[in-house]
N, C-alpha and C. Protein backbone atom coordinates (compact mmCIF):
# COMPACT_ATOMS: atom_id res chain seq x y z
N MET A 1 -11.54 -60.10 38.21
CA MET A 1 -10.41 -59.68 39.05
C MET A 1 -9.10 -60.07 38.38
N GLY A 2 -8.15 -59.10 38.29
CA GLY A 2 -6.89 -59.39 37.66
C GLY A 2 -5.97 -60.20 38.56
N TYR A 3 -4.91 -60.68 37.96
CA TYR A 3 -3.94 -61.45 38.73
C TYR A 3 -3.04 -60.50 39.51
N PRO A 4 -2.61 -60.90 40.72
CA PRO A 4 -1.69 -60.06 41.50
C PRO A 4 -0.38 -59.85 40.76
N THR A 5 0.29 -58.74 41.06
CA THR A 5 1.58 -58.43 40.45
C THR A 5 2.56 -59.59 40.63
N GLY A 6 3.17 -60.01 39.54
CA GLY A 6 4.17 -61.07 39.61
C GLY A 6 3.62 -62.47 39.44
N ALA A 7 2.29 -62.63 39.53
CA ALA A 7 1.72 -63.98 39.49
C ALA A 7 1.94 -64.66 38.14
N ILE A 8 1.81 -63.90 37.07
CA ILE A 8 1.97 -64.50 35.73
C ILE A 8 3.41 -64.94 35.52
N SER A 9 4.36 -64.09 35.93
CA SER A 9 5.78 -64.46 35.79
C SER A 9 6.09 -65.69 36.63
N ALA A 10 5.55 -65.72 37.85
CA ALA A 10 5.78 -66.88 38.72
C ALA A 10 5.18 -68.14 38.12
N ALA A 11 3.98 -68.01 37.57
CA ALA A 11 3.32 -69.16 36.95
C ALA A 11 4.12 -69.67 35.76
N ALA A 12 4.73 -68.75 35.02
CA ALA A 12 5.54 -69.16 33.86
C ALA A 12 6.77 -69.94 34.31
N ILE A 13 7.38 -69.51 35.43
CA ILE A 13 8.56 -70.23 35.95
C ILE A 13 8.16 -71.63 36.41
N VAL A 14 7.04 -71.72 37.13
CA VAL A 14 6.57 -73.03 37.60
C VAL A 14 6.22 -73.93 36.42
N ALA A 15 5.59 -73.35 35.39
CA ALA A 15 5.28 -74.13 34.19
C ALA A 15 6.56 -74.64 33.53
N GLY A 16 7.60 -73.81 33.55
CA GLY A 16 8.88 -74.25 33.00
C GLY A 16 9.47 -75.40 33.79
N MET A 17 9.32 -75.36 35.12
CA MET A 17 9.80 -76.47 35.95
C MET A 17 9.06 -77.76 35.60
N ILE A 18 7.75 -77.65 35.43
CA ILE A 18 6.95 -78.83 35.09
C ILE A 18 7.34 -79.37 33.72
N ALA A 19 7.54 -78.45 32.76
CA ALA A 19 7.93 -78.87 31.42
C ALA A 19 9.31 -79.54 31.44
N ALA A 20 10.24 -78.99 32.22
CA ALA A 20 11.58 -79.59 32.32
C ALA A 20 11.50 -80.98 32.92
N SER A 21 10.63 -81.16 33.92
CA SER A 21 10.46 -82.48 34.52
C SER A 21 9.90 -83.48 33.51
N ALA A 22 8.90 -83.04 32.75
CA ALA A 22 8.29 -83.92 31.76
C ALA A 22 9.32 -84.34 30.72
N TRP A 23 10.11 -83.37 30.26
CA TRP A 23 11.15 -83.68 29.27
C TRP A 23 12.15 -84.68 29.84
N ALA A 24 12.59 -84.45 31.08
CA ALA A 24 13.59 -85.34 31.69
C ALA A 24 13.04 -86.75 31.88
N VAL A 25 11.80 -86.85 32.35
CA VAL A 25 11.19 -88.17 32.57
C VAL A 25 11.11 -88.95 31.25
N LEU A 26 10.78 -88.26 30.17
CA LEU A 26 10.67 -88.92 28.87
C LEU A 26 12.02 -89.22 28.23
N THR A 27 13.06 -88.52 28.66
CA THR A 27 14.38 -88.66 28.05
C THR A 27 15.30 -89.62 28.79
N LEU A 28 15.17 -89.67 30.12
CA LEU A 28 16.07 -90.50 30.93
C LEU A 28 15.89 -91.98 30.61
N PRO A 29 16.95 -92.77 30.72
CA PRO A 29 16.85 -94.21 30.46
C PRO A 29 15.90 -94.88 31.45
N ALA A 30 15.25 -95.93 31.01
CA ALA A 30 14.32 -96.66 31.87
C ALA A 30 15.07 -97.27 33.06
N GLY A 31 14.45 -97.21 34.23
CA GLY A 31 15.02 -97.81 35.43
C GLY A 31 16.01 -96.96 36.19
N ILE A 32 16.35 -95.77 35.68
CA ILE A 32 17.32 -94.94 36.36
C ILE A 32 16.71 -94.34 37.62
N LEU A 33 17.54 -94.09 38.63
CA LEU A 33 17.10 -93.43 39.86
C LEU A 33 17.67 -92.02 39.92
N VAL A 34 16.89 -91.11 40.48
CA VAL A 34 17.25 -89.69 40.53
C VAL A 34 17.31 -89.25 41.99
N PRO A 35 18.28 -88.40 42.37
CA PRO A 35 18.34 -87.93 43.76
C PRO A 35 17.05 -87.23 44.18
N ILE A 36 16.56 -87.56 45.35
CA ILE A 36 15.37 -86.89 45.89
C ILE A 36 15.69 -86.15 47.18
N HIS A 37 16.88 -86.41 47.72
CA HIS A 37 17.30 -85.71 48.95
C HIS A 37 18.81 -85.65 48.99
N PHE A 38 19.32 -84.53 49.53
CA PHE A 38 20.76 -84.34 49.66
C PHE A 38 21.10 -84.17 51.13
N GLY A 39 22.19 -84.77 51.56
CA GLY A 39 22.62 -84.67 52.94
C GLY A 39 23.21 -83.32 53.26
N PHE A 40 23.59 -83.15 54.54
CA PHE A 40 24.16 -81.88 54.99
C PHE A 40 25.47 -81.56 54.28
N ASP A 41 26.13 -82.57 53.77
CA ASP A 41 27.39 -82.35 53.05
C ASP A 41 27.17 -82.06 51.57
N GLY A 42 25.90 -82.01 51.15
CA GLY A 42 25.59 -81.68 49.77
C GLY A 42 25.58 -82.86 48.82
N ARG A 43 25.75 -84.08 49.36
CA ARG A 43 25.77 -85.27 48.52
C ARG A 43 24.40 -85.96 48.54
N PRO A 44 23.99 -86.55 47.43
CA PRO A 44 22.70 -87.27 47.43
C PRO A 44 22.72 -88.43 48.42
N ASP A 45 21.65 -88.55 49.20
CA ASP A 45 21.57 -89.67 50.15
C ASP A 45 20.24 -90.42 50.08
N ALA A 46 19.40 -90.05 49.11
CA ALA A 46 18.15 -90.77 48.88
C ALA A 46 17.80 -90.64 47.40
N TRP A 47 17.26 -91.72 46.83
CA TRP A 47 16.99 -91.76 45.39
C TRP A 47 15.57 -92.26 45.15
N ALA A 48 15.02 -91.89 44.00
CA ALA A 48 13.65 -92.32 43.65
C ALA A 48 13.52 -92.35 42.13
N ARG A 49 12.42 -92.92 41.68
CA ARG A 49 12.13 -92.92 40.25
C ARG A 49 11.95 -91.49 39.75
N PRO A 50 12.32 -91.21 38.49
CA PRO A 50 12.26 -89.83 37.98
C PRO A 50 10.91 -89.15 38.15
N LEU A 51 9.81 -89.88 37.92
CA LEU A 51 8.50 -89.25 37.98
C LEU A 51 8.23 -88.67 39.36
N TRP A 52 8.67 -89.38 40.41
CA TRP A 52 8.47 -88.88 41.77
C TRP A 52 9.51 -87.82 42.13
N SER A 53 10.77 -88.11 41.89
CA SER A 53 11.84 -87.19 42.28
C SER A 53 11.72 -85.84 41.59
N LEU A 54 11.34 -85.86 40.32
CA LEU A 54 11.26 -84.61 39.56
C LEU A 54 9.91 -83.92 39.67
N SER A 55 9.05 -84.42 40.56
CA SER A 55 7.76 -83.77 40.80
C SER A 55 7.76 -82.93 42.07
N VAL A 56 8.72 -83.20 42.96
CA VAL A 56 8.69 -82.57 44.29
C VAL A 56 8.84 -81.05 44.21
N LEU A 57 9.90 -80.56 43.59
CA LEU A 57 10.15 -79.12 43.56
C LEU A 57 9.14 -78.35 42.72
N PRO A 58 8.68 -78.89 41.56
CA PRO A 58 7.59 -78.20 40.89
C PRO A 58 6.33 -78.10 41.76
N ALA A 59 6.07 -79.15 42.55
CA ALA A 59 4.92 -79.11 43.46
C ALA A 59 5.11 -78.01 44.51
N VAL A 60 6.33 -77.86 45.01
CA VAL A 60 6.62 -76.78 45.95
C VAL A 60 6.35 -75.43 45.30
N GLY A 61 6.78 -75.28 44.05
CA GLY A 61 6.53 -74.04 43.32
C GLY A 61 5.05 -73.75 43.18
N VAL A 62 4.25 -74.77 42.90
CA VAL A 62 2.80 -74.59 42.78
C VAL A 62 2.21 -74.13 44.11
N VAL A 63 2.65 -74.75 45.20
CA VAL A 63 2.13 -74.39 46.53
C VAL A 63 2.46 -72.93 46.86
N ILE A 64 3.70 -72.52 46.60
CA ILE A 64 4.10 -71.13 46.86
C ILE A 64 3.24 -70.18 46.04
N LEU A 65 3.02 -70.50 44.77
CA LEU A 65 2.23 -69.65 43.89
C LEU A 65 0.79 -69.53 44.39
N VAL A 66 0.20 -70.65 44.77
CA VAL A 66 -1.20 -70.64 45.25
C VAL A 66 -1.31 -69.81 46.52
N ILE A 67 -0.37 -69.99 47.45
CA ILE A 67 -0.40 -69.23 48.70
C ILE A 67 -0.25 -67.74 48.41
N PHE A 68 0.67 -67.39 47.52
CA PHE A 68 0.88 -65.98 47.18
C PHE A 68 -0.39 -65.36 46.60
N VAL A 69 -1.01 -66.04 45.64
CA VAL A 69 -2.21 -65.49 45.01
C VAL A 69 -3.33 -65.35 46.04
N ALA A 70 -3.47 -66.34 46.90
CA ALA A 70 -4.52 -66.29 47.92
C ALA A 70 -4.30 -65.11 48.87
N ILE A 71 -3.05 -64.91 49.31
CA ILE A 71 -2.76 -63.81 50.22
C ILE A 71 -2.95 -62.46 49.52
N ALA A 72 -2.40 -62.35 48.29
CA ALA A 72 -2.46 -61.08 47.56
C ALA A 72 -3.89 -60.65 47.27
N ARG A 73 -4.77 -61.60 46.95
CA ARG A 73 -6.15 -61.25 46.60
C ARG A 73 -6.97 -60.86 47.82
N ARG A 74 -6.52 -61.27 49.00
CA ARG A 74 -7.25 -60.93 50.22
C ARG A 74 -6.54 -59.86 51.03
N ALA A 75 -5.49 -59.30 50.45
CA ALA A 75 -4.68 -58.33 51.19
C ALA A 75 -5.45 -57.04 51.43
N ASN A 76 -5.22 -56.46 52.60
CA ASN A 76 -5.75 -55.15 52.90
C ASN A 76 -4.76 -54.43 53.81
N GLY A 77 -4.99 -53.18 54.06
CA GLY A 77 -4.12 -52.43 54.95
C GLY A 77 -2.68 -52.42 54.49
N GLY A 78 -1.79 -52.67 55.44
CA GLY A 78 -0.36 -52.62 55.14
C GLY A 78 0.07 -53.65 54.14
N LEU A 79 -0.53 -54.83 54.17
CA LEU A 79 -0.15 -55.87 53.22
C LEU A 79 -0.51 -55.46 51.80
N ALA A 80 -1.66 -54.80 51.63
CA ALA A 80 -2.05 -54.34 50.30
C ALA A 80 -1.07 -53.31 49.75
N ARG A 81 -0.45 -52.55 50.64
CA ARG A 81 0.53 -51.54 50.21
C ARG A 81 1.92 -52.13 50.05
N SER A 82 2.05 -53.44 50.30
CA SER A 82 3.35 -54.12 50.18
C SER A 82 3.38 -55.03 48.96
N GLY A 83 2.50 -54.77 47.98
CA GLY A 83 2.36 -55.67 46.85
C GLY A 83 3.64 -55.93 46.09
N THR A 84 4.41 -54.86 45.81
CA THR A 84 5.64 -55.03 45.04
C THR A 84 6.66 -55.86 45.81
N ALA A 85 6.80 -55.57 47.10
CA ALA A 85 7.76 -56.33 47.92
C ALA A 85 7.33 -57.78 48.02
N LEU A 86 6.04 -58.02 48.21
CA LEU A 86 5.53 -59.39 48.32
C LEU A 86 5.77 -60.15 47.03
N ALA A 87 5.48 -59.52 45.90
CA ALA A 87 5.66 -60.19 44.60
C ALA A 87 7.13 -60.47 44.33
N THR A 88 8.01 -59.53 44.68
CA THR A 88 9.44 -59.72 44.46
C THR A 88 9.97 -60.89 45.29
N ALA A 89 9.57 -60.93 46.57
CA ALA A 89 10.02 -62.02 47.44
C ALA A 89 9.50 -63.36 46.94
N MET A 90 8.24 -63.39 46.49
CA MET A 90 7.66 -64.63 45.99
C MET A 90 8.38 -65.11 44.73
N LEU A 91 8.65 -64.19 43.82
CA LEU A 91 9.35 -64.56 42.60
C LEU A 91 10.76 -65.07 42.92
N ALA A 92 11.43 -64.39 43.84
CA ALA A 92 12.78 -64.82 44.22
C ALA A 92 12.76 -66.21 44.83
N LEU A 93 11.75 -66.50 45.63
CA LEU A 93 11.65 -67.82 46.26
C LEU A 93 11.39 -68.91 45.22
N ILE A 94 10.53 -68.62 44.26
CA ILE A 94 10.26 -69.60 43.21
C ILE A 94 11.48 -69.81 42.33
N VAL A 95 12.21 -68.74 42.02
CA VAL A 95 13.45 -68.88 41.25
C VAL A 95 14.45 -69.73 42.02
N PHE A 96 14.50 -69.55 43.35
CA PHE A 96 15.37 -70.35 44.20
C PHE A 96 15.09 -71.84 44.00
N PHE A 97 13.81 -72.22 44.09
CA PHE A 97 13.46 -73.63 43.94
C PHE A 97 13.61 -74.11 42.50
N ALA A 98 13.40 -73.22 41.53
CA ALA A 98 13.60 -73.60 40.13
C ALA A 98 15.07 -73.91 39.87
N ALA A 99 15.96 -73.12 40.48
CA ALA A 99 17.40 -73.39 40.32
C ALA A 99 17.78 -74.72 40.96
N LEU A 100 17.24 -75.01 42.14
CA LEU A 100 17.49 -76.30 42.77
C LEU A 100 16.95 -77.43 41.91
N HIS A 101 15.82 -77.20 41.27
CA HIS A 101 15.25 -78.21 40.38
C HIS A 101 16.20 -78.49 39.22
N GLY A 102 16.81 -77.43 38.72
CA GLY A 102 17.79 -77.61 37.66
C GLY A 102 18.97 -78.45 38.11
N VAL A 103 19.37 -78.29 39.38
CA VAL A 103 20.47 -79.09 39.93
C VAL A 103 20.08 -80.57 39.96
N VAL A 104 18.85 -80.85 40.40
CA VAL A 104 18.39 -82.24 40.46
C VAL A 104 18.37 -82.86 39.07
N ILE A 105 17.89 -82.11 38.09
CA ILE A 105 17.86 -82.61 36.72
C ILE A 105 19.29 -82.85 36.21
N ALA A 106 20.20 -81.94 36.54
CA ALA A 106 21.59 -82.12 36.13
C ALA A 106 22.17 -83.41 36.72
N PHE A 107 21.87 -83.68 37.99
CA PHE A 107 22.32 -84.92 38.61
C PHE A 107 21.73 -86.13 37.89
N ALA A 108 20.46 -86.01 37.50
CA ALA A 108 19.80 -87.13 36.82
C ALA A 108 20.51 -87.50 35.53
N PHE A 109 21.11 -86.51 34.89
CA PHE A 109 21.81 -86.77 33.63
C PHE A 109 23.32 -86.95 33.83
N GLY A 110 23.73 -87.16 35.08
CA GLY A 110 25.11 -87.51 35.35
C GLY A 110 26.06 -86.37 35.60
N HIS A 111 25.56 -85.15 35.73
CA HIS A 111 26.43 -84.00 36.00
C HIS A 111 26.58 -83.83 37.52
N GLN A 112 27.79 -83.97 38.01
CA GLN A 112 28.04 -83.87 39.44
C GLN A 112 28.31 -82.40 39.82
N LEU A 113 27.48 -81.87 40.70
CA LEU A 113 27.62 -80.49 41.14
C LEU A 113 27.86 -80.45 42.65
N ASP A 114 28.52 -79.39 43.11
CA ASP A 114 28.70 -79.20 44.54
C ASP A 114 27.44 -78.54 45.07
N VAL A 115 26.50 -79.35 45.53
CA VAL A 115 25.19 -78.84 45.93
C VAL A 115 25.29 -77.90 47.12
N SER A 116 26.23 -78.15 48.02
CA SER A 116 26.37 -77.25 49.18
C SER A 116 26.69 -75.83 48.71
N ARG A 117 27.57 -75.70 47.73
CA ARG A 117 27.90 -74.37 47.21
C ARG A 117 26.70 -73.74 46.52
N VAL A 118 25.98 -74.54 45.75
CA VAL A 118 24.81 -74.02 45.04
C VAL A 118 23.77 -73.50 46.03
N ILE A 119 23.48 -74.29 47.07
CA ILE A 119 22.47 -73.89 48.05
C ILE A 119 22.88 -72.62 48.77
N VAL A 120 24.14 -72.54 49.19
CA VAL A 120 24.60 -71.36 49.92
C VAL A 120 24.59 -70.13 49.01
N LEU A 121 25.01 -70.29 47.76
CA LEU A 121 24.99 -69.17 46.82
C LEU A 121 23.55 -68.70 46.57
N LEU A 122 22.65 -69.64 46.32
CA LEU A 122 21.25 -69.27 46.06
C LEU A 122 20.63 -68.61 47.28
N THR A 123 20.96 -69.12 48.47
CA THR A 123 20.44 -68.51 49.69
C THR A 123 20.95 -67.08 49.85
N GLY A 124 22.23 -66.88 49.54
CA GLY A 124 22.79 -65.54 49.60
C GLY A 124 22.09 -64.59 48.64
N LEU A 125 21.86 -65.04 47.42
CA LEU A 125 21.16 -64.20 46.44
C LEU A 125 19.73 -63.91 46.89
N LEU A 126 19.07 -64.92 47.46
CA LEU A 126 17.70 -64.75 47.96
C LEU A 126 17.68 -63.70 49.07
N PHE A 127 18.64 -63.77 49.98
CA PHE A 127 18.71 -62.79 51.06
C PHE A 127 18.93 -61.39 50.52
N MET A 128 19.76 -61.26 49.49
CA MET A 128 20.01 -59.94 48.92
C MET A 128 18.74 -59.34 48.31
N VAL A 129 17.98 -60.17 47.60
CA VAL A 129 16.74 -59.69 46.99
C VAL A 129 15.75 -59.29 48.08
N ILE A 130 15.57 -60.14 49.07
CA ILE A 130 14.62 -59.83 50.14
C ILE A 130 15.06 -58.58 50.90
N GLY A 131 16.35 -58.47 51.16
CA GLY A 131 16.84 -57.29 51.86
C GLY A 131 16.59 -56.01 51.10
N ASN A 132 16.66 -56.06 49.78
CA ASN A 132 16.45 -54.87 48.97
C ASN A 132 15.01 -54.39 48.97
N VAL A 133 14.06 -55.25 49.26
CA VAL A 133 12.65 -54.83 49.27
C VAL A 133 12.07 -54.78 50.68
N MET A 134 12.86 -55.17 51.69
CA MET A 134 12.33 -55.25 53.04
C MET A 134 11.84 -53.89 53.54
N GLY A 135 12.54 -52.84 53.19
CA GLY A 135 12.14 -51.51 53.63
C GLY A 135 10.83 -51.05 53.06
N LYS A 136 10.33 -51.73 52.02
CA LYS A 136 9.07 -51.34 51.38
C LYS A 136 7.87 -52.10 51.96
N VAL A 137 8.13 -53.01 52.88
CA VAL A 137 7.03 -53.78 53.49
C VAL A 137 6.36 -52.92 54.55
N ARG A 138 5.05 -52.77 54.42
CA ARG A 138 4.29 -51.97 55.37
C ARG A 138 3.80 -52.86 56.50
N PRO A 139 3.45 -52.28 57.65
CA PRO A 139 3.03 -53.08 58.80
C PRO A 139 1.88 -54.03 58.48
N ASN A 140 2.07 -55.31 58.80
CA ASN A 140 1.05 -56.32 58.57
C ASN A 140 1.39 -57.54 59.42
N HIS A 141 0.46 -58.50 59.45
CA HIS A 141 0.66 -59.70 60.28
C HIS A 141 1.09 -60.92 59.47
N TRP A 142 1.46 -60.74 58.18
CA TRP A 142 1.77 -61.87 57.31
C TRP A 142 3.24 -61.98 56.97
N ILE A 143 3.85 -60.89 56.56
CA ILE A 143 5.23 -60.94 56.09
C ILE A 143 6.05 -59.85 56.79
N GLY A 144 7.36 -60.07 56.86
CA GLY A 144 8.24 -59.09 57.46
C GLY A 144 8.75 -59.55 58.81
N ILE A 145 9.40 -58.63 59.52
CA ILE A 145 9.93 -58.91 60.86
C ILE A 145 8.80 -58.62 61.85
N ARG A 146 7.99 -59.64 62.12
CA ARG A 146 6.78 -59.47 62.93
C ARG A 146 7.09 -59.84 64.38
N THR A 147 7.41 -58.84 65.16
CA THR A 147 7.64 -59.04 66.59
C THR A 147 6.60 -58.21 67.35
N PRO A 148 6.41 -58.47 68.64
CA PRO A 148 5.46 -57.65 69.40
C PRO A 148 5.77 -56.16 69.33
N TRP A 149 7.05 -55.83 69.14
CA TRP A 149 7.47 -54.43 69.16
C TRP A 149 7.23 -53.76 67.80
N THR A 150 7.49 -54.48 66.70
CA THR A 150 7.23 -53.87 65.39
C THR A 150 5.72 -53.75 65.15
N LEU A 151 4.95 -54.71 65.63
CA LEU A 151 3.51 -54.67 65.43
C LEU A 151 2.82 -53.64 66.33
N ALA A 152 3.53 -53.22 67.37
CA ALA A 152 2.93 -52.27 68.31
C ALA A 152 3.07 -50.82 67.86
N ASP A 153 4.01 -50.54 66.97
CA ASP A 153 4.29 -49.15 66.60
C ASP A 153 4.82 -49.11 65.17
N ASP A 154 4.17 -48.33 64.33
CA ASP A 154 4.59 -48.24 62.92
C ASP A 154 6.01 -47.68 62.78
N ARG A 155 6.39 -46.80 63.70
CA ARG A 155 7.75 -46.24 63.63
C ARG A 155 8.79 -47.32 63.89
N VAL A 156 8.49 -48.18 64.83
CA VAL A 156 9.40 -49.30 65.12
C VAL A 156 9.46 -50.23 63.92
N TRP A 157 8.32 -50.49 63.31
CA TRP A 157 8.28 -51.35 62.12
C TRP A 157 9.17 -50.78 61.02
N ASP A 158 8.99 -49.49 60.73
CA ASP A 158 9.74 -48.88 59.62
C ASP A 158 11.24 -48.91 59.88
N ARG A 159 11.65 -48.52 61.07
CA ARG A 159 13.09 -48.49 61.37
C ARG A 159 13.69 -49.89 61.42
N THR A 160 12.94 -50.83 61.96
CA THR A 160 13.43 -52.21 62.02
C THR A 160 13.61 -52.78 60.63
N HIS A 161 12.68 -52.50 59.74
CA HIS A 161 12.77 -53.07 58.40
C HIS A 161 13.83 -52.38 57.54
N ARG A 162 14.08 -51.12 57.80
CA ARG A 162 15.20 -50.48 57.10
C ARG A 162 16.52 -51.10 57.56
N PHE A 163 16.65 -51.30 58.87
CA PHE A 163 17.84 -51.98 59.39
C PHE A 163 17.90 -53.42 58.90
N GLY A 164 16.75 -54.12 58.93
CA GLY A 164 16.71 -55.51 58.48
C GLY A 164 17.09 -55.65 57.02
N GLY A 165 16.71 -54.69 56.20
CA GLY A 165 17.08 -54.74 54.80
C GLY A 165 18.59 -54.71 54.63
N TRP A 166 19.24 -53.80 55.34
CA TRP A 166 20.71 -53.73 55.30
C TRP A 166 21.32 -55.02 55.82
N LEU A 167 20.74 -55.55 56.91
CA LEU A 167 21.27 -56.76 57.53
C LEU A 167 21.16 -57.96 56.59
N PHE A 168 20.02 -58.12 55.94
CA PHE A 168 19.82 -59.25 55.04
C PHE A 168 20.74 -59.15 53.83
N VAL A 169 20.89 -57.96 53.28
CA VAL A 169 21.79 -57.80 52.12
C VAL A 169 23.22 -58.14 52.52
N THR A 170 23.64 -57.67 53.70
CA THR A 170 25.00 -57.97 54.16
C THR A 170 25.20 -59.46 54.34
N CYS A 171 24.23 -60.13 54.97
CA CYS A 171 24.32 -61.57 55.14
C CYS A 171 24.37 -62.28 53.79
N GLY A 172 23.55 -61.81 52.84
CA GLY A 172 23.52 -62.41 51.52
C GLY A 172 24.84 -62.28 50.79
N VAL A 173 25.46 -61.12 50.90
CA VAL A 173 26.76 -60.91 50.25
C VAL A 173 27.81 -61.83 50.85
N LEU A 174 27.81 -61.94 52.19
CA LEU A 174 28.77 -62.82 52.85
C LEU A 174 28.56 -64.28 52.46
N LEU A 175 27.31 -64.70 52.33
CA LEU A 175 27.03 -66.08 51.93
C LEU A 175 27.50 -66.33 50.49
N ALA A 176 27.27 -65.35 49.62
CA ALA A 176 27.70 -65.51 48.22
C ALA A 176 29.22 -65.61 48.14
N ILE A 177 29.91 -64.79 48.93
CA ILE A 177 31.38 -64.85 48.95
C ILE A 177 31.85 -66.20 49.48
N ALA A 178 31.21 -66.66 50.57
CA ALA A 178 31.58 -67.94 51.16
C ALA A 178 31.36 -69.08 50.17
N ALA A 179 30.24 -69.02 49.44
CA ALA A 179 29.95 -70.08 48.47
C ALA A 179 31.00 -70.13 47.38
N THR A 180 31.62 -69.01 47.10
CA THR A 180 32.63 -68.94 46.05
C THR A 180 34.03 -69.32 46.53
N LEU A 181 34.35 -68.92 47.77
CA LEU A 181 35.73 -69.05 48.23
C LEU A 181 35.96 -70.11 49.30
N ALA A 182 34.96 -70.36 50.15
CA ALA A 182 35.16 -71.28 51.28
C ALA A 182 35.07 -72.73 50.83
N PRO A 183 35.66 -73.65 51.60
CA PRO A 183 35.50 -75.08 51.29
C PRO A 183 34.03 -75.48 51.33
N GLY A 184 33.63 -76.38 50.44
CA GLY A 184 32.24 -76.82 50.40
C GLY A 184 31.95 -77.88 51.45
N GLY A 185 30.76 -78.45 51.36
CA GLY A 185 30.40 -79.53 52.26
C GLY A 185 29.72 -79.07 53.54
N SER A 186 29.83 -79.90 54.58
CA SER A 186 29.11 -79.67 55.83
C SER A 186 29.52 -78.36 56.50
N LEU A 187 30.80 -78.02 56.43
CA LEU A 187 31.27 -76.79 57.06
C LEU A 187 30.60 -75.56 56.45
N LEU A 188 30.49 -75.55 55.14
CA LEU A 188 29.86 -74.42 54.45
C LEU A 188 28.38 -74.35 54.79
N MET A 189 27.70 -75.49 54.81
CA MET A 189 26.28 -75.51 55.15
C MET A 189 26.06 -75.06 56.60
N GLY A 190 26.94 -75.52 57.49
CA GLY A 190 26.84 -75.10 58.88
C GLY A 190 27.03 -73.60 59.03
N GLY A 191 27.98 -73.05 58.26
CA GLY A 191 28.19 -71.61 58.28
C GLY A 191 26.97 -70.85 57.80
N MET A 192 26.30 -71.38 56.78
CA MET A 192 25.10 -70.73 56.28
C MET A 192 24.00 -70.70 57.34
N LEU A 193 23.78 -71.84 57.99
CA LEU A 193 22.75 -71.91 59.03
C LEU A 193 23.08 -70.99 60.20
N THR A 194 24.36 -70.93 60.56
CA THR A 194 24.77 -70.04 61.65
C THR A 194 24.54 -68.59 61.29
N ALA A 195 24.94 -68.21 60.07
CA ALA A 195 24.76 -66.82 59.63
C ALA A 195 23.29 -66.46 59.56
N THR A 196 22.46 -67.40 59.10
CA THR A 196 21.02 -67.14 59.02
C THR A 196 20.43 -66.94 60.40
N ALA A 197 20.82 -67.80 61.35
CA ALA A 197 20.30 -67.69 62.72
C ALA A 197 20.72 -66.37 63.35
N ILE A 198 21.98 -65.99 63.17
CA ILE A 198 22.47 -64.72 63.73
C ILE A 198 21.70 -63.54 63.14
N THR A 199 21.46 -63.60 61.84
CA THR A 199 20.72 -62.52 61.17
C THR A 199 19.33 -62.37 61.77
N MET A 200 18.63 -63.49 61.97
CA MET A 200 17.29 -63.45 62.53
C MET A 200 17.30 -62.92 63.97
N ILE A 201 18.25 -63.40 64.76
CA ILE A 201 18.32 -62.98 66.16
C ILE A 201 18.63 -61.49 66.27
N VAL A 202 19.56 -61.02 65.46
CA VAL A 202 19.92 -59.60 65.49
C VAL A 202 18.73 -58.74 65.07
N ALA A 203 17.99 -59.17 64.05
CA ALA A 203 16.83 -58.41 63.59
C ALA A 203 15.78 -58.29 64.69
N VAL A 204 15.51 -59.39 65.38
CA VAL A 204 14.53 -59.38 66.47
C VAL A 204 15.01 -58.50 67.62
N ALA A 205 16.28 -58.67 68.00
CA ALA A 205 16.83 -57.87 69.09
C ALA A 205 16.80 -56.38 68.75
N LYS A 206 17.10 -56.05 67.49
CA LYS A 206 17.10 -54.66 67.08
C LYS A 206 15.69 -54.07 67.17
N SER A 207 14.68 -54.85 66.86
CA SER A 207 13.30 -54.35 66.95
C SER A 207 12.97 -53.97 68.39
N TYR A 208 13.45 -54.74 69.33
CA TYR A 208 13.21 -54.43 70.75
C TYR A 208 13.95 -53.16 71.15
N LEU A 209 15.21 -53.04 70.74
CA LEU A 209 16.00 -51.86 71.09
C LEU A 209 15.39 -50.59 70.49
N ILE A 210 14.90 -50.69 69.26
CA ILE A 210 14.26 -49.53 68.63
C ILE A 210 12.98 -49.18 69.38
N TRP A 211 12.22 -50.20 69.78
CA TRP A 211 10.98 -49.97 70.53
C TRP A 211 11.27 -49.24 71.84
N ARG A 212 12.30 -49.67 72.54
CA ARG A 212 12.68 -49.00 73.79
C ARG A 212 13.07 -47.55 73.54
N GLU A 213 13.81 -47.34 72.46
CA GLU A 213 14.24 -45.98 72.13
C GLU A 213 13.06 -45.09 71.81
N VAL A 214 12.10 -45.63 71.05
CA VAL A 214 10.91 -44.85 70.69
C VAL A 214 10.08 -44.52 71.92
N ARG A 215 9.95 -45.48 72.82
CA ARG A 215 9.18 -45.23 74.04
C ARG A 215 9.80 -44.14 74.90
N GLN A 216 11.11 -44.07 74.90
CA GLN A 216 11.79 -43.11 75.78
C GLN A 216 11.92 -41.74 75.15
N SER A 217 11.60 -41.64 73.85
CA SER A 217 11.76 -40.35 73.16
C SER A 217 10.55 -39.45 73.38
């Protein structure tokens, strides 16, 4: 059985994260502490030895990759027809964590970055990628805007995901602009969480409105 679409590229990115961690652990001075957690304001608020701190995000990448391969190999029906969208979203998510891993390594070597801006920018880019493939996701119970109304009618699913794709791209663009122009810190992070929540709520509400419209037609 061959590997699912995108699995090899994802595995290469995860391998690069592991290799970067190994290089950093061997290069950093003995006894140094590396950020393992960042507060809501984007500043480090917890520290650990390099071996532990630089293992967390590569481990997350491995978990995402394993879950993706397991789902893709057992996919059937609508999920099987969503292979390209699933692979694109998975790759984008792993790139997201790989970029954050690069930020942690940069901090380990003394480079101070505005983590709040980086997170908001990466989230915006992630939303744009997901939004661009959302319309290609076929009805399934694993990925997508899964509400009782989208799962009840394929027409509702299709229209909701076309709308959701536009909505996610719009939210992503706004987040990227905010990350570039707005003040950083807690305010920016709060804005990101608010925008994300509004996007999710609007997508769910729209699925219900489309369902009602379809029923009445």
